[in-house]
N, C-alpha and C. Protein backbone atom coordinates (compact mmCIF):
# COMPACT_ATOMS: atom_id res chain seq x y z
N MET A 1 -43.92 -93.90 47.45
CA MET A 1 -43.59 -93.22 46.39
C MET A 1 -43.88 -91.94 47.10
N LEU A 2 -45.04 -91.31 47.91
CA LEU A 2 -45.64 -90.44 48.61
C LEU A 2 -44.75 -89.58 49.21
N ILE A 3 -44.02 -90.73 49.95
CA ILE A 3 -43.19 -90.48 51.01
C ILE A 3 -41.69 -89.76 50.35
N LYS A 4 -41.31 -90.24 49.20
CA LYS A 4 -40.11 -89.68 48.40
C LYS A 4 -40.46 -88.45 48.22
N HIS A 5 -41.74 -88.00 47.39
CA HIS A 5 -42.47 -86.77 47.10
C HIS A 5 -42.43 -85.60 48.35
N VAL A 6 -42.72 -86.33 49.56
CA VAL A 6 -43.06 -85.44 50.78
C VAL A 6 -41.59 -85.36 51.11
N ALA A 7 -40.81 -86.10 51.08
CA ALA A 7 -39.44 -85.94 51.34
C ALA A 7 -38.39 -84.96 50.54
N THR A 8 -38.71 -84.82 49.19
CA THR A 8 -38.10 -84.02 48.31
C THR A 8 -38.74 -82.79 48.16
N ALA A 9 -39.92 -82.50 48.87
CA ALA A 9 -40.55 -81.30 49.00
C ALA A 9 -39.89 -80.34 49.94
N GLU A 10 -40.49 -81.36 51.27
CA GLU A 10 -39.52 -80.71 52.17
C GLU A 10 -38.19 -80.11 51.80
N LYS A 11 -37.41 -80.96 51.41
CA LYS A 11 -35.76 -80.46 51.01
C LYS A 11 -35.63 -79.31 50.16
N GLU A 12 -36.52 -79.24 49.04
CA GLU A 12 -36.66 -78.04 48.32
C GLU A 12 -37.18 -77.32 49.36
N LYS A 13 -38.07 -76.84 50.12
CA LYS A 13 -38.36 -76.18 50.95
C LYS A 13 -37.36 -75.17 51.51
N CYS A 14 -36.26 -76.16 52.26
CA CYS A 14 -35.31 -76.07 52.92
C CYS A 14 -33.93 -75.30 52.53
N VAL A 15 -34.24 -75.80 51.12
CA VAL A 15 -33.01 -75.06 49.98
C VAL A 15 -33.10 -73.88 49.56
N GLY A 16 -34.47 -73.42 49.73
CA GLY A 16 -35.11 -72.20 49.03
C GLY A 16 -35.67 -72.05 47.86
N ASN A 17 -36.23 -73.45 47.29
CA ASN A 17 -36.35 -73.88 45.33
C ASN A 17 -37.53 -73.10 45.62
N ASP A 18 -37.94 -72.06 44.65
CA ASP A 18 -39.35 -71.49 44.64
C ASP A 18 -39.79 -72.22 43.58
N ASP A 19 -39.29 -72.97 43.06
CA ASP A 19 -40.09 -73.84 41.89
C ASP A 19 -41.06 -74.69 42.12
N VAL A 20 -41.20 -74.94 43.48
CA VAL A 20 -41.54 -76.20 44.13
C VAL A 20 -43.32 -76.21 43.38
N ASP A 21 -43.85 -77.34 43.40
CA ASP A 21 -45.47 -77.35 42.50
C ASP A 21 -46.27 -77.17 44.03
N ARG A 22 -46.69 -76.21 44.31
CA ARG A 22 -47.84 -76.13 45.07
C ARG A 22 -49.19 -76.54 45.19
N GLY A 23 -49.42 -77.13 43.92
CA GLY A 23 -50.78 -77.47 43.84
C GLY A 23 -51.43 -76.36 42.95
N ASP A 24 -52.76 -76.84 42.40
CA ASP A 24 -53.70 -75.82 41.35
C ASP A 24 -54.75 -75.29 42.29
N VAL A 25 -54.52 -73.90 43.55
CA VAL A 25 -55.35 -73.33 44.09
C VAL A 25 -56.15 -72.36 43.28
N PRO A 26 -56.23 -71.86 41.93
CA PRO A 26 -57.29 -71.31 40.94
C PRO A 26 -57.80 -72.24 40.75
N GLY A 27 -57.84 -73.53 40.51
CA GLY A 27 -58.61 -74.41 39.79
C GLY A 27 -59.67 -74.57 40.96
N TRP A 28 -59.12 -74.83 42.23
CA TRP A 28 -60.04 -74.99 43.46
C TRP A 28 -60.80 -73.60 43.68
N VAL A 29 -60.36 -72.62 43.72
CA VAL A 29 -61.22 -71.38 43.60
C VAL A 29 -62.14 -71.47 42.51
N MET A 30 -62.21 -71.90 41.32
CA MET A 30 -62.95 -71.96 40.19
C MET A 30 -63.80 -73.05 40.59
N ILE A 31 -63.62 -74.03 41.21
CA ILE A 31 -64.61 -74.71 41.63
C ILE A 31 -65.66 -74.62 42.80
N THR A 32 -65.17 -73.97 43.73
CA THR A 32 -65.65 -73.50 45.04
C THR A 32 -66.64 -72.37 44.35
N VAL A 33 -66.33 -71.33 43.33
CA VAL A 33 -67.14 -70.34 42.73
C VAL A 33 -68.23 -71.42 42.10
N MET A 34 -68.36 -71.96 41.21
CA MET A 34 -69.20 -72.79 40.38
C MET A 34 -69.91 -73.49 41.17
N THR A 35 -69.35 -74.02 42.12
CA THR A 35 -70.47 -74.85 43.26
C THR A 35 -71.18 -73.86 44.02
N SER A 36 -70.91 -72.56 44.23
CA SER A 36 -71.64 -71.65 44.86
C SER A 36 -72.84 -71.32 43.76
N ILE A 37 -72.51 -70.68 42.77
CA ILE A 37 -73.17 -70.37 41.83
C ILE A 37 -74.67 -71.72 41.26
N VAL A 38 -74.30 -72.82 41.42
CA VAL A 38 -75.09 -73.61 41.20
C VAL A 38 -76.26 -73.81 42.46
N VAL A 39 -75.53 -73.69 43.85
CA VAL A 39 -76.18 -73.95 45.08
C VAL A 39 -77.27 -72.82 45.41
N ILE A 40 -76.76 -71.43 44.62
CA ILE A 40 -77.52 -70.25 44.70
C ILE A 40 -78.95 -70.32 43.73
N GLY A 41 -78.37 -70.84 42.56
CA GLY A 41 -79.42 -71.06 41.47
C GLY A 41 -80.35 -72.00 41.78
N LEU A 42 -79.92 -73.15 42.23
CA LEU A 42 -81.06 -74.36 42.83
C LEU A 42 -81.80 -73.54 44.19
N LEU A 43 -81.32 -72.72 44.87
CA LEU A 43 -82.05 -72.50 46.18
C LEU A 43 -83.04 -71.16 45.30
N ALA A 44 -82.53 -70.74 44.27
CA ALA A 44 -83.71 -69.63 43.84
C ALA A 44 -84.97 -70.12 43.12
N VAL A 45 -84.63 -71.33 42.82
CA VAL A 45 -85.83 -72.21 42.15
C VAL A 45 -86.70 -72.92 43.04
N PHE A 46 -86.09 -73.71 43.79
CA PHE A 46 -86.60 -74.27 45.13
C PHE A 46 -86.65 -74.29 46.17
N GLY A 47 -86.23 -73.01 46.62
CA GLY A 47 -85.94 -72.52 48.16
C GLY A 47 -87.39 -72.12 48.54
N PRO A 48 -88.45 -71.74 48.24
CA PRO A 48 -89.39 -72.19 48.68
C PRO A 48 -90.45 -73.38 49.50
N ALA A 49 -90.01 -74.01 48.25
CA ALA A 49 -90.34 -75.47 48.38
C ALA A 49 -89.38 -76.35 49.70
N VAL A 50 -88.21 -75.80 49.50
CA VAL A 50 -87.34 -76.68 50.57
C VAL A 50 -87.48 -75.89 51.80
N GLU A 51 -88.15 -74.72 52.02
CA GLU A 51 -88.43 -74.07 53.18
C GLU A 51 -89.67 -74.68 54.04
N GLU A 52 -90.79 -75.00 52.85
CA GLU A 52 -92.22 -75.46 53.74
C GLU A 52 -91.80 -76.73 53.97
N ALA A 53 -90.94 -77.73 52.94
CA ALA A 53 -90.92 -78.86 53.71
C ALA A 53 -89.92 -78.95 55.14
N VAL A 54 -88.91 -77.85 55.57
CA VAL A 54 -88.11 -78.13 56.69
C VAL A 54 -89.49 -77.80 57.64
N ARG A 55 -90.41 -76.52 57.14
CA ARG A 55 -90.81 -76.08 58.23
C ARG A 55 -92.26 -77.34 58.73
N SER A 56 -92.60 -77.75 57.47
CA SER A 56 -93.77 -78.85 57.88
C SER A 56 -93.16 -79.93 58.78
N ALA A 57 -91.87 -80.78 58.50
CA ALA A 57 -91.16 -81.32 59.18
C ALA A 57 -91.05 -80.96 60.71
N PHE A 58 -90.37 -79.80 60.83
CA PHE A 58 -90.42 -79.47 62.08
C PHE A 58 -91.89 -79.23 62.87
N ALA A 59 -92.85 -78.91 62.23
CA ALA A 59 -94.29 -78.99 62.81
C ALA A 59 -94.41 -79.94 63.14
N ASN A 60 -93.94 -81.17 62.59
CA ASN A 60 -94.17 -82.55 62.76
C ASN A 60 -93.89 -83.05 64.16
N ILE A 61 -92.32 -82.45 64.27
CA ILE A 61 -91.76 -83.14 65.20
C ILE A 61 -92.19 -82.71 66.87
N THR A 62 -92.54 -80.89 66.34
CA THR A 62 -92.88 -80.52 67.84
C THR A 62 -93.99 -80.27 68.06
N GLY A 63 -95.40 -80.83 67.20
CA GLY A 63 -96.50 -81.14 67.42
C GLY A 63 -97.45 -80.08 67.08
């Protein structure tokens, strides 16, 4: 089924049909922006604790 869909999309591209479904790019942009906001928020709250944990881990490794 996927091969048929790909072949149809390629055929329509060659014909010059501009109505080809190209995916939901705005949805992916929204998900990326929302994920970035969540990560920034978590780092704002837990950033110092994460930084201290990483420094402590490196200190234990390097001696």
